[in-house]
Structure formats: C-alpha cells, structure tokens
Amino acid sequence: MKYVITISREYGSGGRFIGRLIAEKLGIGFYDSELLTKASDLSGISKACLENYDETKESAFSYAQGLYGMDMSLGQKVFLAQFDAIKKIAAQESCVIVGRCADYVLKDNSNVVKVFICAPLEDKIERAVTYYKINPAKAASIISKKNKKRKSYYNFYTDKEWGKPDSYDLCINSKNGIETAVEAICAYTKRRFNLE
C-alpha cells in the first residue's frame, strides 16, 4: 500500500529534519527541495525559477489573471508545477513531502497523514542559529517573517488556515525532541495503515 506523510512546519521547528528521519526510518522517499527537481523535470520550468518562487504568494491581481482566463503568471505556473509533481509522486510511491501545500494538494487521498510541526520560540531560535547560522540578535525577527510568508502562501493557495489544528491529523510540538516527534509520527502512521 502506498501512503504519504505531509509535513507543514514552523521555521526552526525541525520539520525538515523530522521528515527526513521519518523517511529513513520507514524506508520511503523524501521530498523537500527534491520536489523542485521533479517539478522542473515535469513542467520544463527551470529549477532556478522554481526556487525563486518556491512557497511565495502571488499578488491578488496575478492570481485573478489566471482565474479569469488571462495568461497565468510565473508564480502560478510554479505552484501548478509543484501541484502536479506532488500528485505524480504520491501516485507512484510512499513518501514524506515537506511543505508546498502538499496536505491540501492531496486532500482527496485517503492514504495521507497530514502533520504540522511547531516549537517554542526559544527552541526555534536555537535551531535557526545552530543549523542555519542566523545571527542570534536577528533570529526572532527572521523566524517571524519566514512563518508569516509560509502562512500567507498556504492561506492564499488553499481554503484552509496554516497551523490550525483541524487542518491536520497530527500537530506535534518538537520541544520534547526530534526523535520523540519522529517516533510519534511513525507509530501513528504504522497503526493507521497496518504497516506492522
């Protein structure tokens, strides 16, 4: 049976690390920036362009252009390329997909575990400084901006609210450690899909 675990995450919460460890533990594929390569291969849009528009909200005017039959903006084309890549990957293999509204893209699939990862601000700051080499004095501001960008992108392209518990199967606070979060998500997934 194929299944997909989607991970939405606050910046600095460890969501990407958690996703990678889950994929390793379950022996399934992992897609984060790898999704951009797949989307580029499928759409013909350059990877550099996809990276530039990755998880970035368009202006309301640009979005309306597509809705009313005008030429789609580049940002919309990027979103649709990612949308198609997520659908194709989910149809082909079991995997973990980080970000990019994957939970929404796969909302009609019954074989999806939708996860949101959060963490206390002090933990996010520590992780951002340690792993992303962010200036400690600017870390809180950068984290806030990154999360506003993610929320804006998600809320713009979906009919859901980023981080709202009823949008997900599991909401995990990583304050108790990455391994604890990984174990909880793996246990839930195994139980739900009778993997053992």
N, C-alpha and C. Protein backbone atom coordinates (compact mmCIF):
# COMPACT_ATOMS: atom_id res chain seq x y z
N MET A 1 0.84 -1.19 0.00
CA MET A 1 0.00 0.00 0.00
C MET A 1 0.88 1.25 0.00
N LYS A 2 0.57 2.19 -0.89
CA LYS A 2 1.28 3.46 -0.91
C LYS A 2 0.64 4.43 0.08
N TYR A 3 1.47 5.19 0.76
CA TYR A 3 0.96 6.22 1.68
C TYR A 3 1.91 7.40 1.66
N VAL A 4 1.40 8.55 2.07
CA VAL A 4 2.18 9.79 2.06
C VAL A 4 2.03 10.48 3.41
N ILE A 5 3.14 11.00 3.91
CA ILE A 5 3.13 11.83 5.11
C ILE A 5 3.49 13.24 4.67
N THR A 6 2.59 14.19 4.87
CA THR A 6 2.89 15.58 4.53
C THR A 6 3.25 16.32 5.82
N ILE A 7 4.24 17.18 5.71
CA ILE A 7 4.69 17.93 6.89
C ILE A 7 4.66 19.42 6.60
N SER A 8 3.78 20.11 7.31
CA SER A 8 3.80 21.57 7.35
C SER A 8 4.56 21.92 8.61
N ARG A 9 5.32 23.01 8.58
CA ARG A 9 6.17 23.27 9.74
C ARG A 9 6.47 24.74 9.92
N GLU A 10 6.61 25.12 11.19
CA GLU A 10 7.10 26.44 11.51
C GLU A 10 8.61 26.47 11.24
N TYR A 11 9.09 27.61 10.81
CA TYR A 11 10.52 27.75 10.56
C TYR A 11 11.28 27.59 11.87
N GLY A 12 12.27 26.71 11.85
CA GLY A 12 13.07 26.46 13.05
C GLY A 12 12.52 25.37 13.95
N SER A 13 11.40 24.77 13.58
CA SER A 13 10.79 23.73 14.43
C SER A 13 11.43 22.35 14.22
N GLY A 14 12.26 22.23 13.19
CA GLY A 14 12.89 20.94 12.90
C GLY A 14 12.07 20.07 11.97
N GLY A 15 11.06 20.63 11.34
CA GLY A 15 10.17 19.85 10.47
C GLY A 15 10.87 19.11 9.35
N ARG A 16 11.84 19.76 8.71
CA ARG A 16 12.57 19.10 7.63
C ARG A 16 13.37 17.91 8.16
N PHE A 17 14.06 18.11 9.31
CA PHE A 17 14.84 17.02 9.91
C PHE A 17 13.93 15.87 10.31
N ILE A 18 12.80 16.22 10.90
CA ILE A 18 11.83 15.21 11.32
C ILE A 18 11.37 14.41 10.10
N GLY A 19 11.03 15.11 9.03
CA GLY A 19 10.58 14.44 7.81
C GLY A 19 11.62 13.50 7.24
N ARG A 20 12.86 13.96 7.21
CA ARG A 20 13.94 13.12 6.66
C ARG A 20 14.14 11.87 7.51
N LEU A 21 14.11 12.02 8.83
CA LEU A 21 14.29 10.87 9.72
C LEU A 21 13.12 9.88 9.61
N ILE A 22 11.91 10.40 9.44
CA ILE A 22 10.74 9.53 9.25
C ILE A 22 10.92 8.70 7.98
N ALA A 23 11.32 9.36 6.90
CA ALA A 23 11.52 8.67 5.62
C ALA A 23 12.58 7.57 5.76
N GLU A 24 13.67 7.88 6.46
CA GLU A 24 14.72 6.88 6.66
C GLU A 24 14.21 5.72 7.50
N LYS A 25 13.50 6.04 8.56
CA LYS A 25 13.00 5.00 9.48
C LYS A 25 11.99 4.08 8.80
N LEU A 26 11.14 4.65 7.95
CA LEU A 26 10.11 3.86 7.27
C LEU A 26 10.58 3.31 5.92
N GLY A 27 11.75 3.74 5.47
CA GLY A 27 12.28 3.25 4.20
C GLY A 27 11.50 3.75 3.00
N ILE A 28 11.09 5.03 3.04
CA ILE A 28 10.30 5.61 1.95
C ILE A 28 11.00 6.87 1.42
N GLY A 29 10.49 7.41 0.32
CA GLY A 29 11.08 8.59 -0.30
C GLY A 29 10.92 9.84 0.54
N PHE A 30 11.78 10.82 0.27
CA PHE A 30 11.73 12.10 0.98
C PHE A 30 11.79 13.22 -0.04
N TYR A 31 10.86 14.16 0.04
CA TYR A 31 10.82 15.28 -0.89
C TYR A 31 10.66 16.60 -0.15
N ASP A 32 11.67 17.43 -0.31
CA ASP A 32 11.62 18.81 0.15
C ASP A 32 12.08 19.63 -1.05
N SER A 33 13.32 20.05 -1.08
CA SER A 33 13.82 20.74 -2.27
C SER A 33 13.88 19.77 -3.47
N GLU A 34 13.91 18.46 -3.17
CA GLU A 34 13.90 17.45 -4.24
C GLU A 34 12.63 17.57 -5.09
N LEU A 35 11.58 18.08 -4.49
CA LEU A 35 10.31 18.26 -5.21
C LEU A 35 10.48 19.25 -6.36
N LEU A 36 11.34 20.25 -6.15
CA LEU A 36 11.56 21.25 -7.19
C LEU A 36 12.22 20.64 -8.42
N THR A 37 13.12 19.69 -8.20
CA THR A 37 13.76 19.00 -9.33
C THR A 37 12.71 18.22 -10.11
N LYS A 38 11.85 17.52 -9.40
CA LYS A 38 10.79 16.74 -10.04
C LYS A 38 9.83 17.67 -10.81
N ALA A 39 9.45 18.77 -10.17
CA ALA A 39 8.54 19.73 -10.82
C ALA A 39 9.19 20.33 -12.07
N SER A 40 10.48 20.60 -11.99
CA SER A 40 11.21 21.14 -13.14
C SER A 40 11.22 20.13 -14.29
N ASP A 41 11.50 18.87 -13.96
CA ASP A 41 11.52 17.81 -14.99
C ASP A 41 10.17 17.66 -15.67
N LEU A 42 9.09 17.74 -14.88
CA LEU A 42 7.75 17.53 -15.43
C LEU A 42 7.21 18.73 -16.20
N SER A 43 7.59 19.94 -15.76
CA SER A 43 6.97 21.15 -16.33
C SER A 43 7.83 21.85 -17.37
N GLY A 44 9.14 21.61 -17.31
CA GLY A 44 10.02 22.34 -18.21
C GLY A 44 10.42 23.71 -17.66
N ILE A 45 9.91 24.08 -16.49
CA ILE A 45 10.30 25.33 -15.85
C ILE A 45 11.65 25.10 -15.17
N SER A 46 12.57 26.03 -15.32
CA SER A 46 13.90 25.83 -14.75
C SER A 46 13.84 25.70 -13.24
N LYS A 47 14.77 24.93 -12.69
CA LYS A 47 14.82 24.74 -11.23
C LYS A 47 15.10 26.08 -10.54
N ALA A 48 15.92 26.92 -11.15
CA ALA A 48 16.24 28.23 -10.57
C ALA A 48 14.96 29.08 -10.44
N CYS A 49 14.11 29.02 -11.44
CA CYS A 49 12.85 29.75 -11.40
C CYS A 49 11.94 29.19 -10.31
N LEU A 50 11.87 27.87 -10.22
CA LEU A 50 11.06 27.23 -9.19
C LEU A 50 11.55 27.62 -7.80
N GLU A 51 12.86 27.66 -7.62
CA GLU A 51 13.42 28.04 -6.33
C GLU A 51 13.07 29.49 -5.99
N ASN A 52 13.08 30.36 -6.99
CA ASN A 52 12.79 31.77 -6.78
C ASN A 52 11.35 32.01 -6.30
N TYR A 53 10.41 31.20 -6.81
CA TYR A 53 9.01 31.35 -6.46
C TYR A 53 8.52 30.33 -5.42
N ASP A 54 9.44 29.51 -4.92
CA ASP A 54 9.07 28.44 -4.01
C ASP A 54 8.38 28.98 -2.76
N GLU A 55 7.19 28.50 -2.48
CA GLU A 55 6.39 28.88 -1.31
C GLU A 55 6.26 30.40 -1.16
N THR A 56 6.04 31.06 -2.31
CA THR A 56 5.86 32.50 -2.33
C THR A 56 4.49 32.83 -2.87
N LYS A 57 3.77 33.68 -2.14
CA LYS A 57 2.42 34.07 -2.53
C LYS A 57 2.46 35.10 -3.64
N GLU A 58 1.54 34.96 -4.57
CA GLU A 58 1.38 35.92 -5.65
C GLU A 58 0.52 37.09 -5.18
N SER A 59 0.55 38.17 -5.92
CA SER A 59 -0.38 39.26 -5.62
C SER A 59 -1.78 38.84 -6.03
N ALA A 60 -2.78 39.46 -5.45
CA ALA A 60 -4.17 39.11 -5.78
C ALA A 60 -4.44 39.33 -7.26
N PHE A 61 -3.85 40.38 -7.85
CA PHE A 61 -4.06 40.65 -9.27
C PHE A 61 -3.52 39.51 -10.12
N SER A 62 -2.32 39.05 -9.80
CA SER A 62 -1.71 37.95 -10.58
C SER A 62 -2.57 36.70 -10.51
N TYR A 63 -3.08 36.42 -9.32
CA TYR A 63 -3.90 35.23 -9.14
C TYR A 63 -5.21 35.38 -9.93
N ALA A 64 -5.80 36.55 -9.89
CA ALA A 64 -7.06 36.80 -10.60
C ALA A 64 -6.87 36.65 -12.11
N GLN A 65 -5.68 37.00 -12.61
CA GLN A 65 -5.41 36.85 -14.03
C GLN A 65 -5.69 35.42 -14.48
N GLY A 66 -5.18 34.46 -13.72
CA GLY A 66 -5.37 33.05 -14.06
C GLY A 66 -6.82 32.63 -13.95
N LEU A 67 -7.51 33.15 -12.94
CA LEU A 67 -8.90 32.77 -12.75
C LEU A 67 -9.80 33.26 -13.87
N TYR A 68 -9.48 34.39 -14.46
CA TYR A 68 -10.34 34.97 -15.48
C TYR A 68 -9.82 34.78 -16.89
N GLY A 69 -9.02 33.74 -17.09
CA GLY A 69 -8.63 33.36 -18.44
C GLY A 69 -7.47 34.13 -19.01
N MET A 70 -6.91 35.05 -18.25
CA MET A 70 -5.75 35.77 -18.74
C MET A 70 -4.54 34.83 -18.59
N ASP A 71 -3.45 35.19 -19.19
CA ASP A 71 -2.26 34.37 -19.06
C ASP A 71 -1.89 34.20 -17.59
N MET A 72 -1.49 33.00 -17.24
CA MET A 72 -1.07 32.75 -15.87
C MET A 72 0.27 33.41 -15.61
N SER A 73 0.43 33.91 -14.41
CA SER A 73 1.71 34.48 -14.02
C SER A 73 2.71 33.35 -13.79
N LEU A 74 3.98 33.71 -13.71
CA LEU A 74 5.02 32.72 -13.49
C LEU A 74 4.84 32.05 -12.13
N GLY A 75 4.46 32.83 -11.12
CA GLY A 75 4.23 32.27 -9.78
C GLY A 75 3.15 31.21 -9.78
N GLN A 76 2.08 31.45 -10.53
CA GLN A 76 1.00 30.46 -10.64
C GLN A 76 1.48 29.20 -11.35
N LYS A 77 2.26 29.40 -12.40
CA LYS A 77 2.79 28.25 -13.14
C LYS A 77 3.68 27.40 -12.23
N VAL A 78 4.46 28.06 -11.39
CA VAL A 78 5.32 27.35 -10.44
C VAL A 78 4.47 26.56 -9.47
N PHE A 79 3.41 27.20 -8.93
CA PHE A 79 2.54 26.49 -7.98
C PHE A 79 1.92 25.27 -8.65
N LEU A 80 1.43 25.43 -9.87
CA LEU A 80 0.80 24.31 -10.58
C LEU A 80 1.81 23.21 -10.92
N ALA A 81 3.04 23.59 -11.22
CA ALA A 81 4.09 22.59 -11.49
C ALA A 81 4.35 21.76 -10.24
N GLN A 82 4.41 22.42 -9.08
CA GLN A 82 4.59 21.71 -7.82
C GLN A 82 3.38 20.83 -7.51
N PHE A 83 2.20 21.37 -7.75
CA PHE A 83 0.94 20.64 -7.55
C PHE A 83 0.97 19.33 -8.34
N ASP A 84 1.31 19.43 -9.63
CA ASP A 84 1.36 18.23 -10.49
C ASP A 84 2.43 17.25 -10.02
N ALA A 85 3.59 17.78 -9.61
CA ALA A 85 4.67 16.91 -9.14
C ALA A 85 4.25 16.16 -7.88
N ILE A 86 3.59 16.84 -6.96
CA ILE A 86 3.12 16.20 -5.72
C ILE A 86 2.13 15.08 -6.05
N LYS A 87 1.19 15.36 -6.94
CA LYS A 87 0.21 14.34 -7.33
C LYS A 87 0.89 13.11 -7.94
N LYS A 88 1.85 13.34 -8.84
CA LYS A 88 2.52 12.23 -9.51
C LYS A 88 3.36 11.41 -8.52
N ILE A 89 4.08 12.09 -7.67
CA ILE A 89 4.91 11.39 -6.67
C ILE A 89 4.03 10.54 -5.77
N ALA A 90 2.93 11.11 -5.28
CA ALA A 90 2.03 10.39 -4.37
C ALA A 90 1.40 9.17 -5.04
N ALA A 91 1.20 9.25 -6.35
CA ALA A 91 0.62 8.11 -7.08
C ALA A 91 1.65 7.00 -7.30
N GLN A 92 2.93 7.35 -7.27
CA GLN A 92 3.97 6.39 -7.62
C GLN A 92 4.63 5.70 -6.42
N GLU A 93 4.68 6.39 -5.28
CA GLU A 93 5.46 5.82 -4.18
C GLU A 93 5.00 6.33 -2.82
N SER A 94 5.35 5.58 -1.80
CA SER A 94 5.18 6.05 -0.42
C SER A 94 6.30 7.04 -0.15
N CYS A 95 5.97 8.14 0.54
CA CYS A 95 6.98 9.16 0.76
C CYS A 95 6.56 10.16 1.83
N VAL A 96 7.52 11.01 2.18
CA VAL A 96 7.29 12.17 3.03
C VAL A 96 7.48 13.39 2.15
N ILE A 97 6.53 14.33 2.20
CA ILE A 97 6.64 15.58 1.44
C ILE A 97 6.56 16.74 2.43
N VAL A 98 7.57 17.60 2.37
CA VAL A 98 7.64 18.74 3.28
C VAL A 98 7.13 20.01 2.58
N GLY A 99 6.17 20.68 3.22
CA GLY A 99 5.69 21.99 2.76
C GLY A 99 4.93 21.96 1.45
N ARG A 100 4.89 23.12 0.80
CA ARG A 100 4.32 23.32 -0.53
C ARG A 100 2.85 22.92 -0.65
N CYS A 101 2.11 23.09 0.44
CA CYS A 101 0.67 22.81 0.47
C CYS A 101 0.34 21.35 0.11
N ALA A 102 1.28 20.44 0.33
CA ALA A 102 1.07 19.04 -0.06
C ALA A 102 -0.15 18.44 0.61
N ASP A 103 -0.42 18.80 1.86
CA ASP A 103 -1.60 18.27 2.53
C ASP A 103 -2.87 18.68 1.80
N TYR A 104 -2.89 19.90 1.29
CA TYR A 104 -4.05 20.39 0.56
C TYR A 104 -4.13 19.75 -0.83
N VAL A 105 -3.00 19.66 -1.50
CA VAL A 105 -2.96 19.04 -2.84
C VAL A 105 -3.51 17.62 -2.78
N LEU A 106 -3.21 16.91 -1.68
CA LEU A 106 -3.62 15.50 -1.55
C LEU A 106 -4.85 15.34 -0.65
N LYS A 107 -5.64 16.40 -0.50
CA LYS A 107 -6.78 16.37 0.44
C LYS A 107 -7.81 15.30 0.12
N ASP A 108 -7.91 14.88 -1.13
CA ASP A 108 -8.90 13.87 -1.50
C ASP A 108 -8.35 12.45 -1.42
N ASN A 109 -7.09 12.31 -1.07
CA ASN A 109 -6.47 10.99 -0.94
C ASN A 109 -6.66 10.47 0.48
N SER A 110 -7.11 9.25 0.61
CA SER A 110 -7.33 8.67 1.94
C SER A 110 -6.06 8.12 2.56
N ASN A 111 -4.99 8.04 1.78
CA ASN A 111 -3.74 7.43 2.26
C ASN A 111 -2.71 8.47 2.69
N VAL A 112 -3.17 9.59 3.23
CA VAL A 112 -2.29 10.69 3.59
C VAL A 112 -2.38 10.98 5.09
N VAL A 113 -1.21 11.13 5.72
CA VAL A 113 -1.13 11.58 7.11
C VAL A 113 -0.65 13.03 7.04
N LYS A 114 -1.46 13.95 7.54
CA LYS A 114 -1.14 15.38 7.49
C LYS A 114 -0.63 15.81 8.86
N VAL A 115 0.60 16.34 8.89
CA VAL A 115 1.26 16.68 10.14
C VAL A 115 1.66 18.16 10.14
N PHE A 116 1.51 18.80 11.31
CA PHE A 116 2.02 20.16 11.50
C PHE A 116 3.00 20.13 12.66
N ILE A 117 4.19 20.69 12.43
CA ILE A 117 5.24 20.73 13.46
C ILE A 117 5.43 22.16 13.94
N CYS A 118 5.36 22.35 15.25
CA CYS A 118 5.61 23.67 15.84
C CYS A 118 6.65 23.51 16.94
N ALA A 119 7.07 24.62 17.53
CA ALA A 119 8.04 24.59 18.63
C ALA A 119 7.99 25.92 19.35
N PRO A 120 8.41 25.95 20.62
CA PRO A 120 8.51 27.23 21.33
C PRO A 120 9.54 28.13 20.65
N LEU A 121 9.36 29.44 20.75
CA LEU A 121 10.25 30.39 20.08
C LEU A 121 11.71 30.17 20.46
N GLU A 122 11.99 29.93 21.74
CA GLU A 122 13.40 29.76 22.14
C GLU A 122 14.04 28.55 21.46
N ASP A 123 13.26 27.50 21.25
CA ASP A 123 13.78 26.32 20.54
C ASP A 123 14.02 26.63 19.07
N LYS A 124 13.09 27.39 18.47
CA LYS A 124 13.25 27.76 17.06
C LYS A 124 14.47 28.65 16.87
N ILE A 125 14.68 29.57 17.81
CA ILE A 125 15.85 30.45 17.73
C ILE A 125 17.13 29.63 17.83
N GLU A 126 17.18 28.73 18.79
CA GLU A 126 18.38 27.90 18.97
C GLU A 126 18.67 27.08 17.71
N ARG A 127 17.64 26.50 17.12
CA ARG A 127 17.82 25.69 15.92
C ARG A 127 18.25 26.56 14.73
N ALA A 128 17.63 27.73 14.60
CA ALA A 128 17.96 28.63 13.48
C ALA A 128 19.41 29.11 13.58
N VAL A 129 19.85 29.41 14.78
CA VAL A 129 21.23 29.87 14.99
C VAL A 129 22.22 28.72 14.75
N THR A 130 21.90 27.54 15.27
CA THR A 130 22.80 26.40 15.17
C THR A 130 22.88 25.84 13.75
N TYR A 131 21.73 25.61 13.12
CA TYR A 131 21.73 24.92 11.83
C TYR A 131 21.72 25.85 10.62
N TYR A 132 21.14 27.03 10.76
CA TYR A 132 21.05 27.94 9.62
C TYR A 132 22.00 29.13 9.75
N LYS A 133 22.79 29.14 10.85
CA LYS A 133 23.81 30.17 11.07
C LYS A 133 23.23 31.59 11.04
N ILE A 134 22.02 31.73 11.57
CA ILE A 134 21.37 33.04 11.64
C ILE A 134 21.92 33.82 12.82
N ASN A 135 22.11 35.10 12.63
CA ASN A 135 22.57 35.98 13.70
C ASN A 135 21.59 35.92 14.86
N PRO A 136 22.06 35.56 16.07
CA PRO A 136 21.16 35.43 17.22
C PRO A 136 20.31 36.67 17.50
N ALA A 137 20.88 37.84 17.25
CA ALA A 137 20.14 39.09 17.51
C ALA A 137 18.98 39.29 16.54
N LYS A 138 19.08 38.67 15.37
CA LYS A 138 18.03 38.84 14.36
C LYS A 138 17.13 37.62 14.22
N ALA A 139 17.43 36.56 14.95
CA ALA A 139 16.74 35.28 14.77
C ALA A 139 15.23 35.37 14.95
N ALA A 140 14.77 36.00 16.02
CA ALA A 140 13.33 36.07 16.29
C ALA A 140 12.60 36.79 15.15
N SER A 141 13.18 37.86 14.65
CA SER A 141 12.57 38.61 13.55
C SER A 141 12.54 37.79 12.26
N ILE A 142 13.63 37.10 11.96
CA ILE A 142 13.69 36.27 10.74
C ILE A 142 12.69 35.14 10.82
N ILE A 143 12.60 34.49 11.97
CA ILE A 143 11.65 33.39 12.17
C ILE A 143 10.22 33.89 11.95
N SER A 144 9.90 35.04 12.53
CA SER A 144 8.57 35.61 12.38
C SER A 144 8.24 35.89 10.91
N LYS A 145 9.20 36.47 10.19
CA LYS A 145 8.98 36.78 8.76
C LYS A 145 8.81 35.51 7.94
N LYS A 146 9.64 34.51 8.20
CA LYS A 146 9.55 33.24 7.45
C LYS A 146 8.19 32.58 7.69
N ASN A 147 7.74 32.58 8.94
CA ASN A 147 6.45 31.95 9.25
C ASN A 147 5.28 32.73 8.68
N LYS A 148 5.38 34.05 8.65
CA LYS A 148 4.33 34.86 8.01
C LYS A 148 4.25 34.55 6.52
N LYS A 149 5.43 34.37 5.90
CA LYS A 149 5.48 34.04 4.48
C LYS A 149 4.84 32.68 4.22
N ARG A 150 5.16 31.69 5.06
CA ARG A 150 4.58 30.35 4.90
C ARG A 150 3.07 30.39 5.09
N LYS A 151 2.64 31.10 6.11
CA LYS A 151 1.20 31.20 6.39
C LYS A 151 0.47 31.89 5.24
N SER A 152 1.05 32.97 4.75
CA SER A 152 0.45 33.72 3.66
C SER A 152 0.33 32.86 2.40
N TYR A 153 1.38 32.13 2.09
CA TYR A 153 1.38 31.24 0.92
C TYR A 153 0.31 30.17 1.06
N TYR A 154 0.28 29.50 2.19
CA TYR A 154 -0.67 28.41 2.42
C TYR A 154 -2.11 28.92 2.39
N ASN A 155 -2.37 29.99 3.12
CA ASN A 155 -3.74 30.52 3.19
C ASN A 155 -4.21 31.05 1.84
N PHE A 156 -3.27 31.54 1.02
CA PHE A 156 -3.61 32.09 -0.28
C PHE A 156 -4.01 31.00 -1.27
N TYR A 157 -3.26 29.90 -1.29
CA TYR A 157 -3.49 28.85 -2.29
C TYR A 157 -4.45 27.76 -1.83
N THR A 158 -4.86 27.77 -0.57
CA THR A 158 -5.77 26.73 -0.09
C THR A 158 -7.01 27.38 0.51
N ASP A 159 -7.98 26.55 0.87
CA ASP A 159 -9.16 27.08 1.58
C ASP A 159 -9.05 26.75 3.07
N LYS A 160 -7.81 26.58 3.55
CA LYS A 160 -7.57 26.24 4.95
C LYS A 160 -6.69 27.29 5.59
N GLU A 161 -6.49 27.13 6.90
CA GLU A 161 -5.63 28.06 7.63
C GLU A 161 -4.38 27.32 8.11
N TRP A 162 -3.22 27.84 7.72
CA TRP A 162 -1.93 27.24 8.09
C TRP A 162 -1.80 27.16 9.60
N GLY A 163 -1.46 25.98 10.09
CA GLY A 163 -1.24 25.79 11.52
C GLY A 163 -2.48 25.54 12.35
N LYS A 164 -3.66 25.65 11.75
CA LYS A 164 -4.90 25.42 12.50
C LYS A 164 -5.08 23.92 12.69
N PRO A 165 -5.21 23.45 13.93
CA PRO A 165 -5.23 22.01 14.21
C PRO A 165 -6.21 21.18 13.38
N ASP A 166 -7.40 21.71 13.08
CA ASP A 166 -8.37 20.87 12.36
C ASP A 166 -8.00 20.65 10.89
N SER A 167 -6.90 21.25 10.43
CA SER A 167 -6.43 21.00 9.07
C SER A 167 -5.50 19.79 9.00
N TYR A 168 -5.13 19.23 10.16
CA TYR A 168 -4.11 18.18 10.20
C TYR A 168 -4.58 16.97 10.99
N ASP A 169 -3.93 15.84 10.75
CA ASP A 169 -4.18 14.64 11.55
C ASP A 169 -3.41 14.69 12.86
N LEU A 170 -2.20 15.25 12.80
CA LEU A 170 -1.34 15.36 13.98
C LEU A 170 -0.72 16.74 14.04
N CYS A 171 -0.72 17.33 15.22
CA CYS A 171 0.03 18.56 15.47
C CYS A 171 1.04 18.20 16.55
N ILE A 172 2.32 18.35 16.24
CA ILE A 172 3.40 17.93 17.14
C ILE A 172 4.25 19.13 17.52
N ASN A 173 4.48 19.28 18.83
CA ASN A 173 5.40 20.29 19.32
C ASN A 173 6.75 19.60 19.49
N SER A 174 7.76 20.07 18.78
CA SER A 174 9.06 19.39 18.80
C SER A 174 9.90 19.74 20.02
N LYS A 175 9.31 20.42 21.01
CA LYS A 175 10.08 20.80 22.20
C LYS A 175 10.60 19.59 22.98
N ASN A 176 9.96 18.46 22.81
CA ASN A 176 10.42 17.24 23.51
C ASN A 176 11.46 16.47 22.72
N GLY A 177 11.92 17.05 21.63
CA GLY A 177 12.99 16.44 20.85
C GLY A 177 12.53 15.89 19.51
N ILE A 178 13.45 15.95 18.57
CA ILE A 178 13.20 15.48 17.21
C ILE A 178 12.85 14.00 17.20
N GLU A 179 13.62 13.20 17.92
CA GLU A 179 13.40 11.74 17.93
C GLU A 179 12.01 11.39 18.48
N THR A 180 11.58 12.11 19.50
CA THR A 180 10.25 11.86 20.07
C THR A 180 9.17 12.14 19.03
N ALA A 181 9.33 13.23 18.29
CA ALA A 181 8.37 13.58 17.24
C ALA A 181 8.37 12.52 16.14
N VAL A 182 9.55 12.08 15.75
CA VAL A 182 9.67 11.04 14.71
C VAL A 182 8.97 9.76 15.15
N GLU A 183 9.23 9.35 16.37
CA GLU A 183 8.61 8.12 16.89
C GLU A 183 7.09 8.22 16.91
N ALA A 184 6.56 9.36 17.35
CA ALA A 184 5.11 9.55 17.42
C ALA A 184 4.47 9.49 16.04
N ILE A 185 5.07 10.15 15.07
CA ILE A 185 4.51 10.18 13.71
C ILE A 185 4.61 8.80 13.06
N CYS A 186 5.74 8.13 13.25
CA CYS A 186 5.89 6.77 12.69
C CYS A 186 4.88 5.81 13.31
N ALA A 187 4.73 5.89 14.63
CA ALA A 187 3.78 4.99 15.32
C ALA A 187 2.37 5.22 14.82
N TYR A 188 1.97 6.48 14.68
CA TYR A 188 0.63 6.79 14.18
C TYR A 188 0.44 6.25 12.76
N THR A 189 1.43 6.47 11.90
CA THR A 189 1.36 6.04 10.51
C THR A 189 1.26 4.53 10.41
N LYS A 190 2.08 3.82 11.16
CA LYS A 190 2.07 2.35 11.14
C LYS A 190 0.72 1.82 11.60
N ARG A 191 0.18 2.42 12.65
CA ARG A 191 -1.11 1.98 13.17
C ARG A 191 -2.22 2.25 12.16
N ARG A 192 -2.20 3.44 11.60
CA ARG A 192 -3.27 3.83 10.68
C ARG A 192 -3.32 2.97 9.41
N PHE A 193 -2.17 2.61 8.91
CA PHE A 193 -2.12 1.84 7.66
C PHE A 193 -1.75 0.38 7.86
N ASN A 194 -1.80 -0.10 9.11
CA ASN A 194 -1.49 -1.50 9.43
C ASN A 194 -0.18 -1.94 8.79
N LEU A 195 0.88 -1.19 9.06
CA LEU A 195 2.16 -1.45 8.42
C LEU A 195 3.00 -2.49 9.15
N GLU A 196 2.56 -2.91 10.34
CA GLU A 196 3.35 -3.91 11.07
C GLU A 196 2.60 -5.21 11.16
